[in-house]
Amino acid sequence: MGLGDALRRKLEFYKHKHGECQNFDNGTCKAAHFTNLKANETACPHFKAKQKTGA
């Protein structure tokens, strides 16, 4: 594993949106206390995927 692989994994959150994050709550990031976020904007480094619910 090289530096490129590690960096690629570290920047994985760029593929996601705030609305897909379990820290996102009505325009606020609960992890970093960012406010005025839009659900369709690129996620921040605190991204944590929402848990899928089985139906």
C-alpha atoms as a PDB file:
ATOM      1  CA  MET A   1       0.000   0.000   0.000  1.00  0.00           C
ATOM      2  CA  GLY A   2       1.426   3.329  -1.028  1.00  0.00           C
ATOM      3  CA  LEU A   3       0.832   6.913  -0.074  1.00  0.00           C
ATOM      4  CA  GLY A   4      -1.551   7.327  -3.019  1.00  0.00           C
ATOM      5  CA  ASP A   5      -3.813   4.550  -1.708  1.00  0.00           C
ATOM      6  CA  ALA A   6      -3.883   6.037   1.774  1.00  0.00           C
ATOM      7  CA  LEU A   7      -4.670   9.499   0.432  1.00  0.00           C
ATOM      8  CA  ARG A   8      -7.418   8.139  -1.802  1.00  0.00           C
ATOM      9  CA  ARG A   9      -9.124   6.459   1.171  1.00  0.00           C
ATOM     10  CA  LYS A  10      -8.708   9.611   3.266  1.00  0.00           C
ATOM     11  CA  LEU A  11     -10.488  11.709   0.620  1.00  0.00           C
ATOM     12  CA  GLU A  12     -13.302   9.196   0.032  1.00  0.00           C
ATOM     13  CA  PHE A  13     -15.853  11.576   1.621  1.00  0.00           C
ATOM     14  CA  TYR A  14     -15.689  13.837  -1.471  1.00  0.00           C
ATOM     15  CA  LYS A  15     -17.877  11.303  -3.312  1.00  0.00           C
ATOM     16  CA  HIS A  16     -20.758  11.908  -0.889  1.00  0.00           C
ATOM     17  CA  LYS A  17     -23.203  14.683  -0.021  1.00  0.00           C
ATOM     18  CA  HIS A  18     -24.060  16.190   3.375  1.00  0.00           C
ATOM     19  CA  GLY A  19     -27.552  14.691   3.153  1.00  0.00           C
ATOM     20  CA  GLU A  20     -26.043  11.171   3.084  1.00  0.00           C
ATOM     21  CA  CYS A  21     -24.227  11.734   6.401  1.00  0.00           C
ATOM     22  CA  GLN A  22     -25.580  10.684   9.783  1.00  0.00           C
ATOM     23  CA  ASN A  23     -24.022  13.843  11.296  1.00  0.00           C
ATOM     24  CA  PHE A  24     -26.159  16.082   9.060  1.00  0.00           C
ATOM     25  CA  ASP A  25     -29.264  17.449  10.774  1.00  0.00           C
ATOM     26  CA  ASN A  26     -31.355  20.153   9.110  1.00  0.00           C
ATOM     27  CA  GLY A  27     -28.405  22.159   7.751  1.00  0.00           C
ATOM     28  CA  THR A  28     -26.026  21.530  10.657  1.00  0.00           C
ATOM     29  CA  CYS A  29     -23.093  19.141  11.024  1.00  0.00           C
ATOM     30  CA  LYS A  30     -23.385  17.650  14.517  1.00  0.00           C
ATOM     31  CA  ALA A  31     -19.733  16.475  14.421  1.00  0.00           C
ATOM     32  CA  ALA A  32     -18.106  19.814  13.598  1.00  0.00           C
ATOM     33  CA  HIS A  33     -20.896  22.285  14.447  1.00  0.00           C
ATOM     34  CA  PHE A  34     -20.908  23.692  10.893  1.00  0.00           C
ATOM     35  CA  THR A  35     -24.142  25.501  10.060  1.00  0.00           C
ATOM     36  CA  ASN A  36     -25.988  26.591   6.907  1.00  0.00           C
ATOM     37  CA  LEU A  37     -25.063  23.412   5.015  1.00  0.00           C
ATOM     38  CA  LYS A  38     -27.119  22.260   2.057  1.00  0.00           C
ATOM     39  CA  ALA A  39     -27.956  18.554   1.762  1.00  0.00           C
ATOM     40  CA  ASN A  40     -26.784  18.395  -1.881  1.00  0.00           C
ATOM     41  CA  GLU A  41     -23.321  19.913  -1.258  1.00  0.00           C
ATOM     42  CA  THR A  42     -20.137  17.822  -1.010  1.00  0.00           C
ATOM     43  CA  ALA A  43     -19.689  16.211   2.401  1.00  0.00           C
ATOM     44  CA  CYS A  44     -17.034  17.377   4.863  1.00  0.00           C
ATOM     45  CA  PRO A  45     -14.192  15.258   6.356  1.00  0.00           C
ATOM     46  CA  HIS A  46     -16.508  14.304   9.255  1.00  0.00           C
ATOM     47  CA  PHE A  47     -18.681  12.279   6.861  1.00  0.00           C
ATOM     48  CA  LYS A  48     -20.159   9.114   8.337  1.00  0.00           C
ATOM     49  CA  ALA A  49     -22.554   7.169   6.133  1.00  0.00           C
ATOM     50  CA  LYS A  50     -26.102   6.799   7.390  1.00  0.00           C
ATOM     51  CA  GLN A  51     -26.994   3.312   8.576  1.00  0.00           C
ATOM     52  CA  LYS A  52     -29.201   1.441   6.154  1.00  0.00           C
ATOM     53  CA  THR A  53     -32.435   0.263   7.711  1.00  0.00           C
ATOM     54  CA  GLY A  54     -33.743  -3.155   6.813  1.00  0.00           C
ATOM     55  CA  ALA A  55     -37.459  -3.313   6.051  1.00  0.00           C
END
